[in-house]
Amino acid sequence: MWNYRSSNLKGDLEESDCPVFENLFEFCQIYAGGTIDAAHRLNNQLCDIAINWAGGLHHAKKCGASDVHHGDGVEEAFYFTDRVMTVSFHKYGDMFFPGTGDVKELGEREGKLYAINVPLKDGIDDTSFTRLFKTGMQNVLEGSAVDGASHIRHLNLVSRGDDKAALTAVDAKKLRTVFSMVDVLNGPWKFKSLRTLKLRWSDITELPDSICKLRHLRYLDVSDTAIRALPESITKLYHLETLRFTDCESLEKLPQKVRNLVSLRHLHFDDPKLVPAEVRLLTRLQTLPIFSVGPDHMVEELGCLKELRGALKICKLEQVRDREEAEKAELSGKRMNKLVFEWSSDEGNSSVNSEDVLEGLQPHPDIRSLTIEGYGGENFSSWILQLNNLTVLRLKGCSKLRQLPTLGCLPRLKILEMSGMPNVKCIGNEFYSSRDSAGVLFPALKELPTLECCSMLDR
């Protein structure tokens, strides 16, 4: 299709209702990939709304292609359900493909009156279409606001003035998703079927103890709020899979029994002091952004979290005694995309100890991004030469470091940042390559780092 001769395009564009045009295949690649990525982001709760601007072209039926003009694939998918209302404005008549979309097609069974078709004839101009569209959609929205309110499953309250009216109009017991900027938990509404509750940027300062009654809840987000504490009753949400509380400056601690959240997979926060007690017992955890080593959190707890992935920052590594203890984190077996190793003080941060600990923190060879900050060793671990998939490396505040590791042969390294290394006196050939290596140095690097971070005597 993508090799279709441009000399044939003119006739197809004039004569066919399904034309082949230049760059059609590339266009299809882009919007198909966009659709797949949108589905991935929605399913993983990385976004709330995804819009594919490709229009009718991106739909299809299981049995074949469709939706070139009338949205028949979408209509068919929801023809028997009241969960989705489909509205289509389209060309219709004279056997025009696909021949569906008659005004009498209204849906069936539970979906009756939830399919609306506005068939159009040739000759309609932009002004007429705009007027028809605005009038038609206004009638649809006004009609469904009352008649369909009891069937609403997903509610987004974006105004602090419409919460009571909206929640009174819908059947709260049937709601599965609530996004709200107001406190909806202290009212008379019973959210018996709620799966997702997003209160980000809302005016809440606390959650009621009765939140434990939301026994079907899978996702809870209280980020960017002034919430002061999470109630102990939250630990009875045994089906909760995602808990988010980033940028909660007033939140000082978590409930003691977070370990009871046996289904928890994703924990999102940005304050090191909010690492849950006995986090090792959350064995299904896949997302843990921060781990702060200390008397209550030994680094070996990470070894119990076999499913960890994504990004992880490990703070206060000066608290780790030796290589043997560091190895118990089992980072080499975890497919992390990004790791940050941070030593935050000189206490216990001797050169020997730091080098020993860093050696034991060897990451999985597929890691993409690595940051090492406050490292107190004079030399780096040799495992850094094995990170062939590393694309980003940041070395910050490694004040005792005397010799830079050999980085020139890392085949995928694109970003290299170095700062705060005053004891590096010389950059020799060993920085660029080893004796056994040959070929292009820094083959993927976009820009060489500035070297003001080092006290160079010889470059």
Protein backbone atom coordinates (compact mmCIF):
# COMPACT_ATOMS: atom_id res chain seq x y z
CA MET A 1 0.00 0.00 0.00
CA TRP A 2 2.77 2.41 0.90
CA ASN A 3 4.40 1.81 -2.52
CA TYR A 4 1.22 2.75 -4.36
CA ARG A 5 2.14 4.77 -7.42
CA SER A 6 1.38 8.44 -7.01
CA SER A 7 0.18 8.51 -10.63
CA ASN A 8 -2.80 6.39 -9.61
CA LEU A 9 -3.81 8.51 -6.66
CA LYS A 10 -5.79 11.16 -8.47
CA GLY A 11 -8.31 8.75 -9.93
CA ASP A 12 -8.84 6.99 -6.60
CA LEU A 13 -9.36 10.25 -4.75
CA GLU A 14 -12.00 11.32 -7.24
CA GLU A 15 -13.78 8.00 -7.77
CA SER A 16 -13.51 6.00 -4.54
CA ASP A 17 -15.14 6.61 -1.17
CA CYS A 18 -12.18 4.80 0.45
CA PRO A 19 -9.18 6.42 -1.26
CA VAL A 20 -5.57 5.33 -1.05
CA PHE A 21 -3.40 8.40 -0.64
CA GLU A 22 0.28 9.16 -0.28
CA ASN A 23 1.81 8.31 3.13
CA LEU A 24 -1.35 6.40 4.11
CA PHE A 25 0.62 3.54 5.64
CA GLU A 26 2.80 5.86 7.73
CA PHE A 27 -0.33 7.67 8.90
CA CYS A 28 -1.91 4.36 9.94
CA GLN A 29 1.26 3.40 11.80
CA ILE A 30 1.19 6.61 13.82
CA TYR A 31 -2.44 6.50 14.93
CA ALA A 32 -2.41 2.73 15.52
CA GLY A 33 0.64 3.11 17.74
CA GLY A 34 -0.99 6.07 19.45
CA THR A 35 -4.09 4.01 20.18
CA ILE A 36 -2.04 1.17 21.67
CA ASP A 37 -0.02 3.62 23.79
CA ALA A 38 -3.22 5.35 24.95
CA ALA A 39 -4.71 2.02 26.02
CA HIS A 40 -1.50 1.17 27.89
CA ARG A 41 -1.51 4.51 29.72
CA LEU A 42 -5.18 4.25 30.66
CA ASN A 43 -4.85 0.67 31.87
CA ASN A 44 -1.81 1.54 33.96
CA GLN A 45 -3.45 4.73 35.28
CA LEU A 46 -0.75 6.96 33.81
CA CYS A 47 -3.42 9.30 32.48
CA ASP A 48 -7.11 9.97 33.01
CA ILE A 49 -8.21 10.82 29.46
CA ALA A 50 -6.79 9.77 26.09
CA ILE A 51 -8.02 11.30 22.84
CA ASN A 52 -7.19 9.84 19.42
CA TRP A 53 -7.65 12.56 16.83
CA ALA A 54 -7.63 10.10 13.92
CA GLY A 55 -11.42 10.14 13.80
CA GLY A 56 -13.40 7.24 12.37
CA LEU A 57 -10.37 5.68 10.71
CA HIS A 58 -9.09 4.05 13.89
CA HIS A 59 -12.03 1.70 14.52
CA ALA A 60 -12.56 -1.87 13.35
CA LYS A 61 -14.64 -4.98 13.95
CA LYS A 62 -13.29 -8.38 14.87
CA CYS A 63 -14.39 -9.73 11.48
CA GLY A 64 -12.83 -6.99 9.37
CA ALA A 65 -12.11 -3.33 8.75
CA SER A 66 -14.87 -0.79 9.24
CA ASP A 67 -15.68 2.76 10.33
CA VAL A 68 -14.30 4.53 7.29
CA HIS A 69 -17.30 6.86 7.37
CA HIS A 70 -20.03 5.82 9.79
CA GLY A 71 -18.76 4.68 13.18
CA ASP A 72 -20.30 1.23 12.76
CA GLY A 73 -17.56 -0.63 14.61
CA VAL A 74 -17.95 1.52 17.71
CA GLU A 75 -21.74 1.44 17.49
CA GLU A 76 -21.73 -2.34 17.20
CA ALA A 77 -19.39 -2.72 20.18
CA PHE A 78 -21.82 -0.86 22.47
CA TYR A 79 -25.14 -1.58 20.71
CA PHE A 80 -26.54 -3.71 23.54
CA THR A 81 -25.28 -1.77 26.57
CA ASP A 82 -26.29 1.42 28.34
CA ARG A 83 -22.76 2.06 29.60
CA VAL A 84 -21.74 4.00 26.48
CA MET A 85 -23.79 6.31 24.28
CA THR A 86 -22.58 6.54 20.66
CA VAL A 87 -23.35 9.55 18.46
CA SER A 88 -22.36 9.67 14.80
CA PHE A 89 -22.72 12.43 12.17
CA HIS A 90 -21.92 10.88 8.78
CA LYS A 91 -22.61 10.73 5.05
CA TYR A 92 -25.38 8.25 4.27
CA GLY A 93 -27.43 6.95 1.35
CA ASP A 94 -27.10 5.73 -2.25
CA MET A 95 -25.27 2.58 -1.10
CA PHE A 96 -22.49 4.70 0.38
CA PHE A 97 -20.04 2.49 2.31
CA PRO A 98 -20.59 0.93 4.82
CA GLY A 99 -24.35 1.32 4.41
CA THR A 100 -25.06 1.59 8.14
CA GLY A 101 -26.04 4.51 10.32
CA ASP A 102 -29.73 4.91 9.57
CA VAL A 103 -31.60 7.26 11.88
CA LYS A 104 -33.70 4.27 13.00
CA GLU A 105 -30.67 2.44 14.43
CA LEU A 106 -31.16 3.23 18.13
CA GLY A 107 -29.58 0.30 19.96
CA GLU A 108 -31.23 -2.79 21.41
CA ARG A 109 -31.98 -4.41 24.78
CA GLU A 110 -30.24 -2.40 27.56
CA GLY A 111 -28.67 -0.24 24.86
CA LYS A 112 -31.94 0.95 23.35
CA LEU A 113 -31.83 4.73 22.75
CA TYR A 114 -28.07 4.74 23.45
CA ALA A 115 -27.13 4.76 19.75
CA ILE A 116 -27.81 8.02 17.90
CA ASN A 117 -27.21 8.46 14.17
CA VAL A 118 -27.43 11.69 12.19
CA PRO A 119 -27.24 10.70 8.49
CA LEU A 120 -26.22 13.49 6.11
CA LYS A 121 -26.66 13.97 2.38
CA ASP A 122 -24.19 15.46 -0.07
CA GLY A 123 -24.11 19.24 -0.26
CA ILE A 124 -24.13 20.22 3.41
CA ASP A 125 -21.80 23.15 4.07
CA ASP A 126 -19.65 23.93 7.12
CA THR A 127 -22.07 26.44 8.60
CA SER A 128 -25.04 24.09 8.35
CA PHE A 129 -23.05 21.18 9.75
CA THR A 130 -21.81 23.24 12.70
CA ARG A 131 -25.33 24.41 13.53
CA LEU A 132 -26.70 20.87 13.23
CA PHE A 133 -23.90 19.43 15.34
CA LYS A 134 -24.27 21.99 18.15
CA THR A 135 -28.05 21.65 18.27
CA GLY A 136 -27.97 17.87 18.09
CA MET A 137 -25.31 17.43 20.75
CA GLN A 138 -27.03 19.90 23.07
CA ASN A 139 -30.23 17.85 22.85
CA VAL A 140 -28.31 14.62 23.43
CA LEU A 141 -26.53 15.98 26.50
CA GLU A 142 -29.65 17.54 27.99
CA GLY A 143 -31.67 14.37 27.44
CA SER A 144 -29.06 12.02 28.88
CA ALA A 145 -28.32 14.27 31.87
CA VAL A 146 -31.61 13.24 33.49
CA ASP A 147 -32.67 10.01 31.85
CA GLY A 148 -29.22 8.43 31.88
CA ALA A 149 -27.92 9.70 35.19
CA SER A 150 -28.79 6.51 37.05
CA HIS A 151 -26.59 4.56 34.63
CA ILE A 152 -23.48 6.69 35.16
CA ARG A 153 -20.49 4.67 36.37
CA HIS A 154 -17.70 7.26 36.11
CA LEU A 155 -17.91 10.76 37.60
CA ASN A 156 -15.44 13.63 37.39
CA LEU A 157 -16.23 16.63 39.62
CA VAL A 158 -14.11 19.56 38.48
CA SER A 159 -16.00 22.35 40.25
CA ARG A 160 -16.47 22.89 43.95
CA GLY A 161 -20.02 24.05 43.32
CA ASP A 162 -21.52 21.10 41.49
CA ASP A 163 -20.72 18.18 43.78
CA LYS A 164 -24.00 17.89 45.67
CA ALA A 165 -26.17 18.28 42.56
CA ALA A 166 -24.11 15.76 40.60
CA LEU A 167 -24.01 13.16 43.36
CA THR A 168 -27.73 13.57 43.98
CA ALA A 169 -28.50 13.03 40.29
CA VAL A 170 -26.46 9.85 39.94
CA ASP A 171 -26.80 6.56 41.75
CA ALA A 172 -23.72 6.66 43.99
CA LYS A 173 -24.01 2.94 44.75
CA LYS A 174 -23.28 2.16 41.08
CA LEU A 175 -20.32 4.50 40.64
CA ARG A 176 -17.04 2.77 39.85
CA THR A 177 -14.83 5.83 39.37
CA VAL A 178 -14.87 9.20 41.13
CA PHE A 179 -12.42 12.01 40.38
CA SER A 180 -13.18 14.91 42.69
CA MET A 181 -11.68 18.18 43.89
CA VAL A 182 -14.05 18.20 46.86
CA ASP A 183 -14.53 15.93 49.85
CA VAL A 184 -17.11 13.36 48.77
CA LEU A 185 -16.52 10.89 51.62
CA ASN A 186 -18.18 12.81 54.44
CA GLY A 187 -21.57 13.08 52.77
CA PRO A 188 -24.58 10.77 52.80
CA TRP A 189 -23.58 8.94 49.62
CA LYS A 190 -22.84 5.20 49.67
CA PHE A 191 -20.11 4.25 47.22
CA LYS A 192 -20.60 0.50 47.41
CA SER A 193 -19.08 -0.33 44.01
CA LEU A 194 -16.24 2.18 43.89
CA ARG A 195 -12.99 0.92 42.33
CA THR A 196 -11.14 4.18 41.72
CA LEU A 197 -11.10 7.27 43.97
CA LYS A 198 -8.94 10.19 42.92
CA LEU A 199 -8.93 13.15 45.31
CA ARG A 200 -5.82 14.85 43.97
CA TRP A 201 -5.80 18.66 44.46
CA SER A 202 -8.96 18.36 46.55
CA ASP A 203 -9.64 20.27 49.78
CA ILE A 204 -9.46 17.23 52.07
CA THR A 205 -7.35 17.29 55.24
CA GLU A 206 -8.26 13.81 56.44
CA LEU A 207 -10.00 10.63 55.36
CA PRO A 208 -12.84 9.23 57.47
CA ASP A 209 -12.46 5.91 59.24
CA SER A 210 -15.40 4.69 57.17
CA ILE A 211 -13.17 4.51 54.09
CA CYS A 212 -12.66 0.87 54.99
CA LYS A 213 -16.22 0.28 53.77
CA LEU A 214 -15.05 0.83 50.19
CA ARG A 215 -14.14 -2.82 50.08
CA HIS A 216 -13.86 -2.96 46.26
CA LEU A 217 -11.45 -0.01 46.05
CA ARG A 218 -8.41 -0.69 43.86
CA TYR A 219 -6.98 2.80 43.38
CA LEU A 220 -6.69 5.71 45.84
CA ASP A 221 -4.96 9.02 45.13
CA VAL A 222 -4.71 11.82 47.72
CA SER A 223 -1.70 13.57 46.14
CA ASP A 224 -1.26 17.35 46.29
CA THR A 225 -3.57 17.75 49.26
CA ALA A 226 -3.20 19.07 52.82
CA ILE A 227 -4.03 15.68 54.28
CA ARG A 228 -2.41 15.23 57.70
CA ALA A 229 -2.79 11.49 58.25
CA LEU A 230 -4.16 8.34 56.72
CA PRO A 231 -6.53 6.48 59.07
CA GLU A 232 -5.57 3.05 60.35
CA SER A 233 -8.79 1.71 58.85
CA ILE A 234 -7.31 2.18 55.38
CA THR A 235 -5.27 -0.96 56.01
CA LYS A 236 -8.49 -2.98 55.72
CA LEU A 237 -8.75 -2.23 51.99
CA TYR A 238 -7.48 -5.67 51.11
CA HIS A 239 -8.08 -5.23 47.36
CA LEU A 240 -6.23 -1.90 47.09
CA GLU A 241 -3.59 -2.12 44.36
CA THR A 242 -2.44 1.50 43.96
CA LEU A 243 -1.92 4.13 46.67
CA ARG A 244 -0.63 7.59 45.78
CA PHE A 245 0.30 10.39 48.22
CA THR A 246 2.93 12.54 46.49
CA ASP A 247 3.39 16.22 47.42
CA CYS A 248 1.49 15.84 50.69
CA GLU A 249 3.59 18.21 52.78
CA SER A 250 1.41 17.88 55.90
CA LEU A 251 1.47 14.09 55.92
CA GLU A 252 3.96 12.98 58.57
CA LYS A 253 3.51 9.24 58.87
CA LEU A 254 1.60 6.23 57.57
CA PRO A 255 -0.56 3.75 59.47
CA GLN A 256 1.40 1.06 61.28
CA LYS A 257 -0.26 -1.86 59.52
CA VAL A 258 0.24 -0.94 55.87
CA ARG A 259 1.62 -4.47 55.61
CA ASN A 260 -2.00 -5.68 55.66
CA LEU A 261 -2.55 -4.25 52.17
CA VAL A 262 -1.71 -7.61 50.67
CA SER A 263 -2.79 -6.67 47.12
CA LEU A 264 -0.74 -3.46 46.95
CA ARG A 265 1.29 -3.26 43.75
CA HIS A 266 2.03 0.43 43.27
CA LEU A 267 3.05 2.87 46.00
CA HIS A 268 3.73 6.46 44.90
CA PHE A 269 5.26 9.04 47.29
CA ASP A 270 8.20 11.44 47.38
CA ASP A 271 9.10 11.78 51.07
CA PRO A 272 11.76 9.35 52.40
CA LYS A 273 10.25 9.38 55.89
CA LEU A 274 7.02 7.86 54.55
CA VAL A 275 8.44 4.46 53.65
CA PRO A 276 5.94 1.98 55.15
CA ALA A 277 6.92 -0.06 58.19
CA GLU A 278 7.75 -3.69 57.34
CA VAL A 279 7.64 -2.90 53.64
CA ARG A 280 9.25 -6.29 53.01
CA LEU A 281 5.85 -7.91 53.65
CA LEU A 282 4.29 -6.16 50.65
CA THR A 283 5.57 -8.93 48.41
CA ARG A 284 3.44 -7.97 45.39
CA LEU A 285 4.89 -4.48 45.27
CA GLN A 286 6.08 -3.41 41.82
CA THR A 287 6.48 0.34 42.37
CA LEU A 288 8.45 1.76 45.30
CA PRO A 289 10.01 5.13 44.41
CA ILE A 290 12.09 5.65 47.57
CA PHE A 291 13.74 3.47 50.20
CA SER A 292 15.55 5.14 53.10
CA VAL A 293 17.98 2.90 54.98
CA GLY A 294 17.90 3.17 58.77
CA PRO A 295 17.25 1.29 62.01
CA ASP A 296 13.66 0.57 60.96
CA HIS A 297 14.46 -0.19 57.33
CA MET A 298 17.36 -2.51 56.61
CA VAL A 299 18.46 -2.63 52.99
CA GLU A 300 17.87 -6.39 52.94
CA GLU A 301 14.12 -5.68 52.96
CA LEU A 302 14.42 -4.87 49.27
CA GLY A 303 15.46 -8.45 48.69
CA CYS A 304 11.97 -9.60 49.66
CA LEU A 305 10.35 -7.44 46.97
CA LYS A 306 10.93 -9.74 44.02
CA GLU A 307 8.58 -7.91 41.62
CA LEU A 308 10.06 -4.40 41.95
CA ARG A 309 10.53 -2.55 38.67
CA GLY A 310 10.58 0.99 37.31
CA ALA A 311 12.53 3.60 39.31
CA LEU A 312 13.97 3.39 42.83
CA LYS A 313 16.00 5.82 44.92
CA ILE A 314 17.93 4.34 47.87
CA CYS A 315 18.86 6.98 50.45
CA LYS A 316 21.24 7.00 53.44
CA LEU A 317 23.50 4.28 52.10
CA GLU A 318 26.06 5.26 54.75
CA GLN A 319 23.86 3.15 57.06
CA VAL A 320 24.74 -0.05 55.14
CA ARG A 321 27.59 -1.87 56.87
CA ASP A 322 29.31 -3.80 54.10
CA ARG A 323 29.10 -5.56 50.76
CA GLU A 324 27.42 -8.62 52.18
CA GLU A 325 24.57 -6.55 53.59
CA ALA A 326 24.23 -4.59 50.35
CA GLU A 327 24.00 -7.78 48.29
CA LYS A 328 20.92 -8.81 50.27
CA ALA A 329 18.98 -6.11 48.39
CA GLU A 330 19.33 -8.41 45.35
CA LEU A 331 19.35 -5.52 42.89
CA SER A 332 21.13 -7.58 40.25
CA GLY A 333 17.99 -9.68 39.90
CA LYS A 334 15.53 -6.79 39.64
CA ARG A 335 14.76 -5.32 36.21
CA MET A 336 14.82 -1.68 37.28
CA ASN A 337 14.84 1.03 34.62
CA LYS A 338 16.30 3.69 36.90
CA LEU A 339 18.31 3.62 40.13
CA VAL A 340 19.58 6.42 42.36
CA PHE A 341 22.19 5.59 45.02
CA GLU A 342 22.57 8.36 47.62
CA TRP A 343 24.97 8.73 50.53
CA SER A 344 23.76 11.69 52.58
CA SER A 345 26.54 12.23 55.14
CA ASP A 346 30.18 11.45 55.85
CA GLU A 347 29.25 9.53 58.99
CA GLY A 348 30.23 5.92 58.34
CA ASN A 349 31.00 6.91 54.76
CA SER A 350 34.64 5.86 54.63
CA SER A 351 36.26 5.11 51.29
CA VAL A 352 36.56 1.40 52.02
CA ASN A 353 32.99 1.11 53.28
CA SER A 354 31.52 3.04 50.34
CA GLU A 355 33.41 1.01 47.75
CA ASP A 356 32.37 -2.20 49.47
CA VAL A 357 28.71 -1.20 49.58
CA LEU A 358 28.64 0.02 45.97
CA GLU A 359 30.11 -3.28 44.85
CA GLY A 360 27.25 -5.10 46.57
CA LEU A 361 24.61 -2.87 44.96
CA GLN A 362 25.38 -4.12 41.45
CA PRO A 363 22.24 -3.51 39.36
CA HIS A 364 20.68 -5.65 36.65
CA PRO A 365 22.65 -5.31 33.38
CA ASP A 366 19.55 -3.97 31.56
CA ILE A 367 19.33 -0.81 33.68
CA ARG A 368 18.82 2.39 31.63
CA SER A 369 19.55 5.22 34.09
CA LEU A 370 21.93 5.35 37.07
CA THR A 371 22.66 8.24 39.45
CA ILE A 372 25.32 8.02 42.17
CA GLU A 373 25.36 10.88 44.65
CA GLY A 374 27.52 11.57 47.71
CA TYR A 375 29.62 8.44 47.11
CA GLY A 376 32.63 8.36 49.44
CA GLY A 377 34.85 5.90 47.60
CA GLU A 378 38.08 6.67 45.76
CA ASN A 379 37.32 4.25 42.92
CA PHE A 380 34.23 2.92 41.18
CA SER A 381 33.04 -0.65 40.98
CA SER A 382 34.05 -2.65 37.94
CA TRP A 383 30.45 -3.70 37.25
CA ILE A 384 29.77 -0.32 35.65
CA LEU A 385 31.57 -1.63 32.54
CA GLN A 386 28.91 -4.34 32.18
CA LEU A 387 25.97 -1.94 31.86
CA ASN A 388 25.71 -2.11 28.08
CA ASN A 389 22.13 -0.78 28.04
CA LEU A 390 22.88 2.26 30.19
CA THR A 391 21.74 5.50 28.50
CA VAL A 392 21.99 7.98 31.39
CA LEU A 393 24.76 8.24 34.01
CA ARG A 394 24.96 11.00 36.61
CA LEU A 395 27.82 11.28 39.14
CA LYS A 396 27.25 13.98 41.77
CA GLY A 397 29.18 15.02 44.85
CA CYS A 398 31.61 12.10 44.80
CA SER A 399 34.10 14.21 46.71
CA LYS A 400 36.69 11.50 47.46
CA LEU A 401 36.78 10.00 44.00
CA ARG A 402 40.30 10.04 42.53
CA GLN A 403 39.81 8.18 39.27
CA LEU A 404 36.87 8.16 36.88
CA PRO A 405 35.57 4.81 35.67
CA THR A 406 36.08 3.66 32.10
CA LEU A 407 32.99 4.91 30.31
CA GLY A 408 34.00 5.40 26.69
CA CYS A 409 33.00 1.90 25.63
CA LEU A 410 29.44 1.96 26.98
CA PRO A 411 27.60 1.50 23.67
CA ARG A 412 24.28 3.22 24.50
CA LEU A 413 25.37 5.99 26.87
CA LYS A 414 23.68 9.19 25.66
CA ILE A 415 23.76 11.45 28.71
CA LEU A 416 26.76 11.79 31.03
CA GLU A 417 26.70 14.36 33.84
CA MET A 418 29.47 14.86 36.41
CA SER A 419 29.74 17.40 39.23
CA GLY A 420 31.38 17.85 42.63
CA MET A 421 34.49 15.67 42.24
CA PRO A 422 37.40 17.92 43.34
CA ASN A 423 39.85 15.06 44.00
CA VAL A 424 39.92 13.91 40.39
CA LYS A 425 43.27 15.38 39.34
CA CYS A 426 43.68 13.73 35.98
CA ILE A 427 41.61 12.23 33.20
CA GLY A 428 43.70 9.65 31.40
CA ASN A 429 43.07 7.20 28.59
CA GLU A 430 41.47 4.77 31.02
CA PHE A 431 38.42 7.07 31.21
CA TYR A 432 37.79 6.61 27.51
CA SER A 433 38.61 2.95 26.96
CA SER A 434 40.32 -0.10 28.35
CA ARG A 435 43.33 -1.80 26.80
CA ASP A 436 41.18 -4.61 25.42
CA SER A 437 38.62 -2.35 23.74
CA ALA A 438 38.58 -1.08 20.19
CA GLY A 439 36.22 0.94 18.06
CA VAL A 440 34.37 4.21 18.43
CA LEU A 441 34.49 5.83 21.86
CA PHE A 442 31.24 7.08 23.38
CA PRO A 443 29.34 5.95 20.24
CA ALA A 444 25.94 7.22 21.42
CA LEU A 445 26.92 10.23 23.57
CA LYS A 446 25.05 13.38 22.55
CA GLU A 447 27.31 15.86 24.35
CA LEU A 448 30.54 15.61 26.33
CA PRO A 449 30.13 16.78 29.94
CA THR A 450 31.83 19.88 31.23
CA LEU A 451 34.80 19.08 33.43
CA GLU A 452 34.77 22.04 35.83
CA CYS A 453 33.68 19.53 38.47
CA CYS A 454 37.24 18.21 38.64
CA SER A 455 40.53 19.83 39.73
CA MET A 456 42.37 18.91 36.56
CA LEU A 457 46.14 19.04 36.38
CA ASP A 458 46.40 17.06 33.19
CA ARG A 459 43.65 16.43 30.66
